[in-house]
């Protein structure tokens, strides 16, 4: 593979970026159980 996809809370992607991992969000965020994903 050359790409990994994940549906997760947006806050985790911010952590990934802070750790130096590039994450591109695809589509519109949505709320799942009150948490933005």
ModelCIF file with pLDDT and N, C-alpha, C, O atoms, coordinates in Angstrom:
data_MODEL
#
_entry.id   MODEL 
#
_entity.id                         1 
_entity.type                       polymer 
_entity.pdbx_number_of_molecules   1 
#
_entity_poly.entity_id                      1 
_entity_poly.type                           'polypeptide(L)' 
_entity_poly.nstd_linkage                   no 
_entity_poly.nstd_monomer                   no 
_entity_poly.pdbx_seq_one_letter_code       
;(UNK)(UNK)(UNK)(UNK)(UNK)(UNK)(UNK)(UNK)(UNK)(UNK)(UNK)(UNK)(UNK)(UNK)(UNK)(UNK)
(UNK)(UNK)(UNK)(UNK)(UNK)(UNK)(UNK)(UNK)(UNK)(UNK)(UNK)(UNK)(UNK)(UNK)(UNK)(UNK)
(UNK)(UNK)(UNK)(UNK)(UNK)
;
_entity_poly.pdbx_seq_one_letter_code_can   XXXXXXXXXXXXXXXXXXXXXXXXXXXXXXXXXXXXX 
_entity_poly.pdbx_strand_id                 A 
#
loop_
_entity_poly_seq.entity_id 
_entity_poly_seq.num 
_entity_poly_seq.mon_id 
_entity_poly_seq.hetero 
1 1  UNK n 
1 2  UNK n 
1 3  UNK n 
1 4  UNK n 
1 5  UNK n 
1 6  UNK n 
1 7  UNK n 
1 8  UNK n 
1 9  UNK n 
1 10 UNK n 
1 11 UNK n 
1 12 UNK n 
1 13 UNK n 
1 14 UNK n 
1 15 UNK n 
1 16 UNK n 
1 17 UNK n 
1 18 UNK n 
1 19 UNK n 
1 20 UNK n 
1 21 UNK n 
1 22 UNK n 
1 23 UNK n 
1 24 UNK n 
1 25 UNK n 
1 26 UNK n 
1 27 UNK n 
1 28 UNK n 
1 29 UNK n 
1 30 UNK n 
1 31 UNK n 
1 32 UNK n 
1 33 UNK n 
1 34 UNK n 
1 35 UNK n 
1 36 UNK n 
1 37 UNK n 
#
_struct_asym.id          A 
_struct_asym.entity_id   1 
#
loop_
_ma_qa_metric.id 
_ma_qa_metric.mode 
_ma_qa_metric.name 
_ma_qa_metric.software_group_id 
_ma_qa_metric.type 
1 global pLDDT . pLDDT 
2 local  pLDDT . pLDDT 
#
_ma_qa_metric_global.metric_id      1 
_ma_qa_metric_global.metric_value   91.70 
_ma_qa_metric_global.model_id       1 
_ma_qa_metric_global.ordinal_id     1 
#
loop_
_ma_qa_metric_local.label_asym_id 
_ma_qa_metric_local.label_comp_id 
_ma_qa_metric_local.label_seq_id 
_ma_qa_metric_local.metric_id 
_ma_qa_metric_local.metric_value 
_ma_qa_metric_local.model_id 
_ma_qa_metric_local.ordinal_id 
A UNK 1  2 95.00 1 1  
A UNK 2  2 93.00 1 2  
A UNK 3  2 93.00 1 3  
A UNK 4  2 93.00 1 4  
A UNK 5  2 92.00 1 5  
A UNK 6  2 92.00 1 6  
A UNK 7  2 93.00 1 7  
A UNK 8  2 91.00 1 8  
A UNK 9  2 92.00 1 9  
A UNK 10 2 92.00 1 10 
A UNK 11 2 90.00 1 11 
A UNK 12 2 89.00 1 12 
A UNK 13 2 88.00 1 13 
A UNK 14 2 87.00 1 14 
A UNK 15 2 87.00 1 15 
A UNK 16 2 88.00 1 16 
A UNK 17 2 89.00 1 17 
A UNK 18 2 86.00 1 18 
A UNK 19 2 87.00 1 19 
A UNK 20 2 87.00 1 20 
A UNK 21 2 90.00 1 21 
A UNK 22 2 91.00 1 22 
A UNK 23 2 92.00 1 23 
A UNK 24 2 93.00 1 24 
A UNK 25 2 93.00 1 25 
A UNK 26 2 91.00 1 26 
A UNK 27 2 88.00 1 27 
A UNK 28 2 93.00 1 28 
A UNK 29 2 95.00 1 29 
A UNK 30 2 95.00 1 30 
A UNK 31 2 97.00 1 31 
A UNK 32 2 95.00 1 32 
A UNK 33 2 95.00 1 33 
A UNK 34 2 96.00 1 34 
A UNK 35 2 94.00 1 35 
A UNK 36 2 96.00 1 36 
A UNK 37 2 95.00 1 37 
#
loop_
_atom_site.group_PDB 
_atom_site.id 
_atom_site.type_symbol 
_atom_site.label_atom_id 
_atom_site.label_alt_id 
_atom_site.label_comp_id 
_atom_site.label_asym_id 
_atom_site.label_entity_id 
_atom_site.label_seq_id 
_atom_site.pdbx_PDB_ins_code 
_atom_site.Cartn_x 
_atom_site.Cartn_y 
_atom_site.Cartn_z 
_atom_site.occupancy 
_atom_site.B_iso_or_equiv 
_atom_site.pdbx_formal_charge 
_atom_site.auth_seq_id 
_atom_site.auth_comp_id 
_atom_site.auth_asym_id 
_atom_site.auth_atom_id 
_atom_site.pdbx_PDB_model_num 
ATOM 1   N N  . UNK A 1 1  ? 0.833   -1.206 0.000  1.00 95.00 ? 1  UNK A N  1 
ATOM 2   C CA . UNK A 1 1  ? 0.000   0.000  0.000  1.00 95.00 ? 1  UNK A CA 1 
ATOM 3   C C  . UNK A 1 1  ? 0.865   1.253  0.000  1.00 95.00 ? 1  UNK A C  1 
ATOM 4   O O  . UNK A 1 1  ? 2.027   1.232  0.405  1.00 95.00 ? 1  UNK A O  1 
ATOM 5   N N  . UNK A 1 2  ? 0.265   2.345  -0.465 1.00 93.00 ? 2  UNK A N  1 
ATOM 6   C CA . UNK A 1 2  ? 0.952   3.627  -0.390 1.00 93.00 ? 2  UNK A CA 1 
ATOM 7   C C  . UNK A 1 2  ? 0.140   4.665  0.381  1.00 93.00 ? 2  UNK A C  1 
ATOM 8   O O  . UNK A 1 2  ? 0.601   5.784  0.602  1.00 93.00 ? 2  UNK A O  1 
ATOM 9   N N  . UNK A 1 3  ? -1.080  4.284  0.791  1.00 93.00 ? 3  UNK A N  1 
ATOM 10  C CA . UNK A 1 3  ? -1.960  5.192  1.521  1.00 93.00 ? 3  UNK A CA 1 
ATOM 11  C C  . UNK A 1 3  ? -2.739  4.417  2.571  1.00 93.00 ? 3  UNK A C  1 
ATOM 12  O O  . UNK A 1 3  ? -3.195  3.301  2.322  1.00 93.00 ? 3  UNK A O  1 
ATOM 13  N N  . UNK A 1 4  ? -2.890  5.018  3.748  1.00 93.00 ? 4  UNK A N  1 
ATOM 14  C CA . UNK A 1 4  ? -3.752  4.461  4.790  1.00 93.00 ? 4  UNK A CA 1 
ATOM 15  C C  . UNK A 1 4  ? -4.874  5.449  5.044  1.00 93.00 ? 4  UNK A C  1 
ATOM 16  O O  . UNK A 1 4  ? -4.633  6.648  5.179  1.00 93.00 ? 4  UNK A O  1 
ATOM 17  N N  . UNK A 1 5  ? -6.095  4.950  5.110  1.00 92.00 ? 5  UNK A N  1 
ATOM 18  C CA . UNK A 1 5  ? -7.277  5.766  5.404  1.00 92.00 ? 5  UNK A CA 1 
ATOM 19  C C  . UNK A 1 5  ? -7.793  5.415  6.788  1.00 92.00 ? 5  UNK A C  1 
ATOM 20  O O  . UNK A 1 5  ? -7.715  4.267  7.225  1.00 92.00 ? 5  UNK A O  1 
ATOM 21  N N  . UNK A 1 6  ? -8.320  6.419  7.470  1.00 92.00 ? 6  UNK A N  1 
ATOM 22  C CA . UNK A 1 6  ? -8.903  6.172  8.785  1.00 92.00 ? 6  UNK A CA 1 
ATOM 23  C C  . UNK A 1 6  ? -10.022 7.169  9.044  1.00 92.00 ? 6  UNK A C  1 
ATOM 24  O O  . UNK A 1 6  ? -9.947  8.328  8.636  1.00 92.00 ? 6  UNK A O  1 
ATOM 25  N N  . UNK A 1 7  ? -11.057 6.702  9.726  1.00 93.00 ? 7  UNK A N  1 
ATOM 26  C CA . UNK A 1 7  ? -12.117 7.567  10.221 1.00 93.00 ? 7  UNK A CA 1 
ATOM 27  C C  . UNK A 1 7  ? -11.894 7.679  11.720 1.00 93.00 ? 7  UNK A C  1 
ATOM 28  O O  . UNK A 1 7  ? -12.083 6.715  12.462 1.00 93.00 ? 7  UNK A O  1 
ATOM 29  N N  . UNK A 1 8  ? -11.490 8.865  12.157 1.00 91.00 ? 8  UNK A N  1 
ATOM 30  C CA . UNK A 1 8  ? -11.184 9.056  13.575 1.00 91.00 ? 8  UNK A CA 1 
ATOM 31  C C  . UNK A 1 8  ? -11.535 10.474 13.993 1.00 91.00 ? 8  UNK A C  1 
ATOM 32  O O  . UNK A 1 8  ? -11.779 11.337 13.150 1.00 91.00 ? 8  UNK A O  1 
ATOM 33  N N  . UNK A 1 9  ? -11.558 10.709 15.299 1.00 92.00 ? 9  UNK A N  1 
ATOM 34  C CA . UNK A 1 9  ? -11.774 12.079 15.759 1.00 92.00 ? 9  UNK A CA 1 
ATOM 35  C C  . UNK A 1 9  ? -10.711 13.016 15.183 1.00 92.00 ? 9  UNK A C  1 
ATOM 36  O O  . UNK A 1 9  ? -9.535  12.662 15.095 1.00 92.00 ? 9  UNK A O  1 
ATOM 37  N N  . UNK A 1 10 ? -11.139 14.196 14.800 1.00 92.00 ? 10 UNK A N  1 
ATOM 38  C CA . UNK A 1 10 ? -10.212 15.165 14.208 1.00 92.00 ? 10 UNK A CA 1 
ATOM 39  C C  . UNK A 1 10 ? -9.079  15.519 15.165 1.00 92.00 ? 10 UNK A C  1 
ATOM 40  O O  . UNK A 1 10 ? -7.980  15.849 14.720 1.00 92.00 ? 10 UNK A O  1 
ATOM 41  N N  . UNK A 1 11 ? -9.325  15.457 16.456 1.00 90.00 ? 11 UNK A N  1 
ATOM 42  C CA . UNK A 1 11 ? -8.281  15.790 17.433 1.00 90.00 ? 11 UNK A CA 1 
ATOM 43  C C  . UNK A 1 11 ? -7.089  14.848 17.307 1.00 90.00 ? 11 UNK A C  1 
ATOM 44  O O  . UNK A 1 11 ? -5.956  15.256 17.564 1.00 90.00 ? 11 UNK A O  1 
ATOM 45  N N  . UNK A 1 12 ? -7.322  13.604 16.920 1.00 89.00 ? 12 UNK A N  1 
ATOM 46  C CA . UNK A 1 12 ? -6.222  12.651 16.748 1.00 89.00 ? 12 UNK A CA 1 
ATOM 47  C C  . UNK A 1 12 ? -5.376  13.033 15.547 1.00 89.00 ? 12 UNK A C  1 
ATOM 48  O O  . UNK A 1 12 ? -4.154  12.891 15.582 1.00 89.00 ? 12 UNK A O  1 
ATOM 49  N N  . UNK A 1 13 ? -6.011  13.516 14.482 1.00 88.00 ? 13 UNK A N  1 
ATOM 50  C CA . UNK A 1 13 ? -5.234  13.947 13.320 1.00 88.00 ? 13 UNK A CA 1 
ATOM 51  C C  . UNK A 1 13 ? -4.343  15.136 13.668 1.00 88.00 ? 13 UNK A C  1 
ATOM 52  O O  . UNK A 1 13 ? -3.229  15.250 13.157 1.00 88.00 ? 13 UNK A O  1 
ATOM 53  N N  . UNK A 1 14 ? -4.829  16.016 14.530 1.00 87.00 ? 14 UNK A N  1 
ATOM 54  C CA . UNK A 1 14 ? -3.992  17.147 14.963 1.00 87.00 ? 14 UNK A CA 1 
ATOM 55  C C  . UNK A 1 14 ? -2.769  16.623 15.722 1.00 87.00 ? 14 UNK A C  1 
ATOM 56  O O  . UNK A 1 14 ? -1.667  17.151 15.573 1.00 87.00 ? 14 UNK A O  1 
ATOM 57  N N  . UNK A 1 15 ? -2.968  15.593 16.527 1.00 87.00 ? 15 UNK A N  1 
ATOM 58  C CA . UNK A 1 15 ? -1.837  14.980 17.245 1.00 87.00 ? 15 UNK A CA 1 
ATOM 59  C C  . UNK A 1 15 ? -0.858  14.382 16.243 1.00 87.00 ? 15 UNK A C  1 
ATOM 60  O O  . UNK A 1 15 ? 0.352   14.565 16.375 1.00 87.00 ? 15 UNK A O  1 
ATOM 61  N N  . UNK A 1 16 ? -1.378  13.661 15.231 1.00 88.00 ? 16 UNK A N  1 
ATOM 62  C CA . UNK A 1 16 ? -0.504  13.073 14.218 1.00 88.00 ? 16 UNK A CA 1 
ATOM 63  C C  . UNK A 1 16 ? 0.355   14.145 13.553 1.00 88.00 ? 16 UNK A C  1 
ATOM 64  O O  . UNK A 1 16 ? 1.562   13.976 13.381 1.00 88.00 ? 16 UNK A O  1 
ATOM 65  N N  . UNK A 1 17 ? -0.289  15.250 13.184 1.00 89.00 ? 17 UNK A N  1 
ATOM 66  C CA . UNK A 1 17 ? 0.460   16.334 12.523 1.00 89.00 ? 17 UNK A CA 1 
ATOM 67  C C  . UNK A 1 17 ? 1.529   16.894 13.450 1.00 89.00 ? 17 UNK A C  1 
ATOM 68  O O  . UNK A 1 17 ? 2.644   17.190 13.021 1.00 89.00 ? 17 UNK A O  1 
ATOM 69  N N  . UNK A 1 18 ? 1.184   17.035 14.712 1.00 86.00 ? 18 UNK A N  1 
ATOM 70  C CA . UNK A 1 18 ? 2.151   17.531 15.697 1.00 86.00 ? 18 UNK A CA 1 
ATOM 71  C C  . UNK A 1 18 ? 3.353   16.595 15.811 1.00 86.00 ? 18 UNK A C  1 
ATOM 72  O O  . UNK A 1 18 ? 4.469   17.036 16.087 1.00 86.00 ? 18 UNK A O  1 
ATOM 73  N N  . UNK A 1 19 ? 3.118   15.309 15.599 1.00 87.00 ? 19 UNK A N  1 
ATOM 74  C CA . UNK A 1 19 ? 4.189   14.316 15.646 1.00 87.00 ? 19 UNK A CA 1 
ATOM 75  C C  . UNK A 1 19 ? 4.951   14.216 14.328 1.00 87.00 ? 19 UNK A C  1 
ATOM 76  O O  . UNK A 1 19 ? 5.901   13.441 14.219 1.00 87.00 ? 19 UNK A O  1 
ATOM 77  N N  . UNK A 1 20 ? 4.539   14.996 13.324 1.00 87.00 ? 20 UNK A N  1 
ATOM 78  C CA . UNK A 1 20 ? 5.254   15.018 12.053 1.00 87.00 ? 20 UNK A CA 1 
ATOM 79  C C  . UNK A 1 20 ? 4.670   14.132 10.968 1.00 87.00 ? 20 UNK A C  1 
ATOM 80  O O  . UNK A 1 20 ? 5.293   13.953 9.921  1.00 87.00 ? 20 UNK A O  1 
ATOM 81  N N  . UNK A 1 21 ? 3.478   13.567 11.196 1.00 90.00 ? 21 UNK A N  1 
ATOM 82  C CA . UNK A 1 21 ? 2.829   12.730 10.197 1.00 90.00 ? 21 UNK A CA 1 
ATOM 83  C C  . UNK A 1 21 ? 1.840   13.583 9.417  1.00 90.00 ? 21 UNK A C  1 
ATOM 84  O O  . UNK A 1 21 ? 1.004   14.269 10.005 1.00 90.00 ? 21 UNK A O  1 
ATOM 85  N N  . UNK A 1 22 ? 1.937   13.540 8.087  1.00 91.00 ? 22 UNK A N  1 
ATOM 86  C CA . UNK A 1 22 ? 1.037   14.317 7.238  1.00 91.00 ? 22 UNK A CA 1 
ATOM 87  C C  . UNK A 1 22 ? -0.274  13.564 7.054  1.00 91.00 ? 22 UNK A C  1 
ATOM 88  O O  . UNK A 1 22 ? -0.285  12.407 6.632  1.00 91.00 ? 22 UNK A O  1 
ATOM 89  N N  . UNK A 1 23 ? -1.373  14.229 7.372  1.00 92.00 ? 23 UNK A N  1 
ATOM 90  C CA . UNK A 1 23 ? -2.709  13.655 7.204  1.00 92.00 ? 23 UNK A CA 1 
ATOM 91  C C  . UNK A 1 23 ? -3.549  14.647 6.413  1.00 92.00 ? 23 UNK A C  1 
ATOM 92  O O  . UNK A 1 23 ? -3.647  15.822 6.769  1.00 92.00 ? 23 UNK A O  1 
ATOM 93  N N  . UNK A 1 24 ? -4.155  14.157 5.334  1.00 93.00 ? 24 UNK A N  1 
ATOM 94  C CA . UNK A 1 24 ? -5.063  14.981 4.539  1.00 93.00 ? 24 UNK A CA 1 
ATOM 95  C C  . UNK A 1 24 ? -6.487  14.550 4.852  1.00 93.00 ? 24 UNK A C  1 
ATOM 96  O O  . UNK A 1 24 ? -6.845  13.389 4.656  1.00 93.00 ? 24 UNK A O  1 
ATOM 97  N N  . UNK A 1 25 ? -7.296  15.478 5.336  1.00 93.00 ? 25 UNK A N  1 
ATOM 98  C CA . UNK A 1 25 ? -8.688  15.155 5.609  1.00 93.00 ? 25 UNK A CA 1 
ATOM 99  C C  . UNK A 1 25 ? -9.462  15.149 4.308  1.00 93.00 ? 25 UNK A C  1 
ATOM 100 O O  . UNK A 1 25 ? -9.308  16.042 3.475  1.00 93.00 ? 25 UNK A O  1 
ATOM 101 N N  . UNK A 1 26 ? -10.302 14.129 4.138  1.00 91.00 ? 26 UNK A N  1 
ATOM 102 C CA . UNK A 1 26 ? -11.079 13.946 2.921  1.00 91.00 ? 26 UNK A CA 1 
ATOM 103 C C  . UNK A 1 26 ? -12.552 14.140 3.256  1.00 91.00 ? 26 UNK A C  1 
ATOM 104 O O  . UNK A 1 26 ? -13.060 13.557 4.213  1.00 91.00 ? 26 UNK A O  1 
ATOM 105 N N  . UNK A 1 27 ? -13.225 14.950 2.475  1.00 88.00 ? 27 UNK A N  1 
ATOM 106 C CA . UNK A 1 27 ? -14.656 15.157 2.687  1.00 88.00 ? 27 UNK A CA 1 
ATOM 107 C C  . UNK A 1 27 ? -14.929 16.075 3.864  1.00 88.00 ? 27 UNK A C  1 
ATOM 108 O O  . UNK A 1 27 ? -14.028 16.722 4.398  1.00 88.00 ? 27 UNK A O  1 
ATOM 109 N N  . UNK A 1 28 ? -16.182 16.114 4.249  1.00 93.00 ? 28 UNK A N  1 
ATOM 110 C CA . UNK A 1 28 ? -16.625 16.981 5.333  1.00 93.00 ? 28 UNK A CA 1 
ATOM 111 C C  . UNK A 1 28 ? -16.607 16.233 6.661  1.00 93.00 ? 28 UNK A C  1 
ATOM 112 O O  . UNK A 1 28 ? -17.013 15.073 6.718  1.00 93.00 ? 28 UNK A O  1 
ATOM 113 N N  . UNK A 1 29 ? -16.147 16.875 7.723  1.00 95.00 ? 29 UNK A N  1 
ATOM 114 C CA . UNK A 1 29 ? -16.222 16.247 9.045  1.00 95.00 ? 29 UNK A CA 1 
ATOM 115 C C  . UNK A 1 29 ? -17.687 16.039 9.445  1.00 95.00 ? 29 UNK A C  1 
ATOM 116 O O  . UNK A 1 29 ? -18.579 16.734 8.960  1.00 95.00 ? 29 UNK A O  1 
ATOM 117 N N  . UNK A 1 30 ? -17.912 15.084 10.324 1.00 95.00 ? 30 UNK A N  1 
ATOM 118 C CA . UNK A 1 30 ? -19.249 14.866 10.857 1.00 95.00 ? 30 UNK A CA 1 
ATOM 119 C C  . UNK A 1 30 ? -19.125 14.473 12.327 1.00 95.00 ? 30 UNK A C  1 
ATOM 120 O O  . UNK A 1 30 ? -18.060 14.068 12.793 1.00 95.00 ? 30 UNK A O  1 
ATOM 121 N N  . UNK A 1 31 ? -20.232 14.601 13.036 1.00 97.00 ? 31 UNK A N  1 
ATOM 122 C CA . UNK A 1 31 ? -20.229 14.273 14.454 1.00 97.00 ? 31 UNK A CA 1 
ATOM 123 C C  . UNK A 1 31 ? -20.733 12.854 14.661 1.00 97.00 ? 31 UNK A C  1 
ATOM 124 O O  . UNK A 1 31 ? -21.763 12.457 14.116 1.00 97.00 ? 31 UNK A O  1 
ATOM 125 N N  . UNK A 1 32 ? -19.996 12.106 15.449 1.00 95.00 ? 32 UNK A N  1 
ATOM 126 C CA . UNK A 1 32 ? -20.379 10.749 15.842 1.00 95.00 ? 32 UNK A CA 1 
ATOM 127 C C  . UNK A 1 32 ? -20.344 10.730 17.361 1.00 95.00 ? 32 UNK A C  1 
ATOM 128 O O  . UNK A 1 32 ? -19.295 10.952 17.966 1.00 95.00 ? 32 UNK A O  1 
ATOM 129 N N  . UNK A 1 33 ? -21.482 10.466 17.972 1.00 95.00 ? 33 UNK A N  1 
ATOM 130 C CA . UNK A 1 33 ? -21.599 10.480 19.427 1.00 95.00 ? 33 UNK A CA 1 
ATOM 131 C C  . UNK A 1 33 ? -21.055 11.778 20.030 1.00 95.00 ? 33 UNK A C  1 
ATOM 132 O O  . UNK A 1 33 ? -20.419 11.768 21.084 1.00 95.00 ? 33 UNK A O  1 
ATOM 133 N N  . UNK A 1 34 ? -21.318 12.898 19.338 1.00 96.00 ? 34 UNK A N  1 
ATOM 134 C CA . UNK A 1 34 ? -20.931 14.197 19.854 1.00 96.00 ? 34 UNK A CA 1 
ATOM 135 C C  . UNK A 1 34 ? -19.481 14.586 19.637 1.00 96.00 ? 34 UNK A C  1 
ATOM 136 O O  . UNK A 1 34 ? -19.045 15.641 20.097 1.00 96.00 ? 34 UNK A O  1 
ATOM 137 N N  . UNK A 1 35 ? -18.725 13.739 18.938 1.00 94.00 ? 35 UNK A N  1 
ATOM 138 C CA . UNK A 1 35 ? -17.304 14.012 18.688 1.00 94.00 ? 35 UNK A CA 1 
ATOM 139 C C  . UNK A 1 35 ? -17.109 14.214 17.194 1.00 94.00 ? 35 UNK A C  1 
ATOM 140 O O  . UNK A 1 35 ? -17.592 13.419 16.388 1.00 94.00 ? 35 UNK A O  1 
ATOM 141 N N  . UNK A 1 36 ? -16.396 15.286 16.821 1.00 96.00 ? 36 UNK A N  1 
ATOM 142 C CA . UNK A 1 36 ? -16.172 15.564 15.413 1.00 96.00 ? 36 UNK A CA 1 
ATOM 143 C C  . UNK A 1 36 ? -15.156 14.592 14.819 1.00 96.00 ? 36 UNK A C  1 
ATOM 144 O O  . UNK A 1 36 ? -14.025 14.495 15.296 1.00 96.00 ? 36 UNK A O  1 
ATOM 145 N N  . UNK A 1 37 ? -15.566 13.876 13.777 1.00 95.00 ? 37 UNK A N  1 
ATOM 146 C CA . UNK A 1 37 ? -14.748 12.884 13.097 1.00 95.00 ? 37 UNK A CA 1 
ATOM 147 C C  . UNK A 1 37 ? -14.518 13.315 11.640 1.00 95.00 ? 37 UNK A C  1 
ATOM 148 O O  . UNK A 1 37 ? -13.846 12.609 10.887 1.00 95.00 ? 37 UNK A O  1 
#
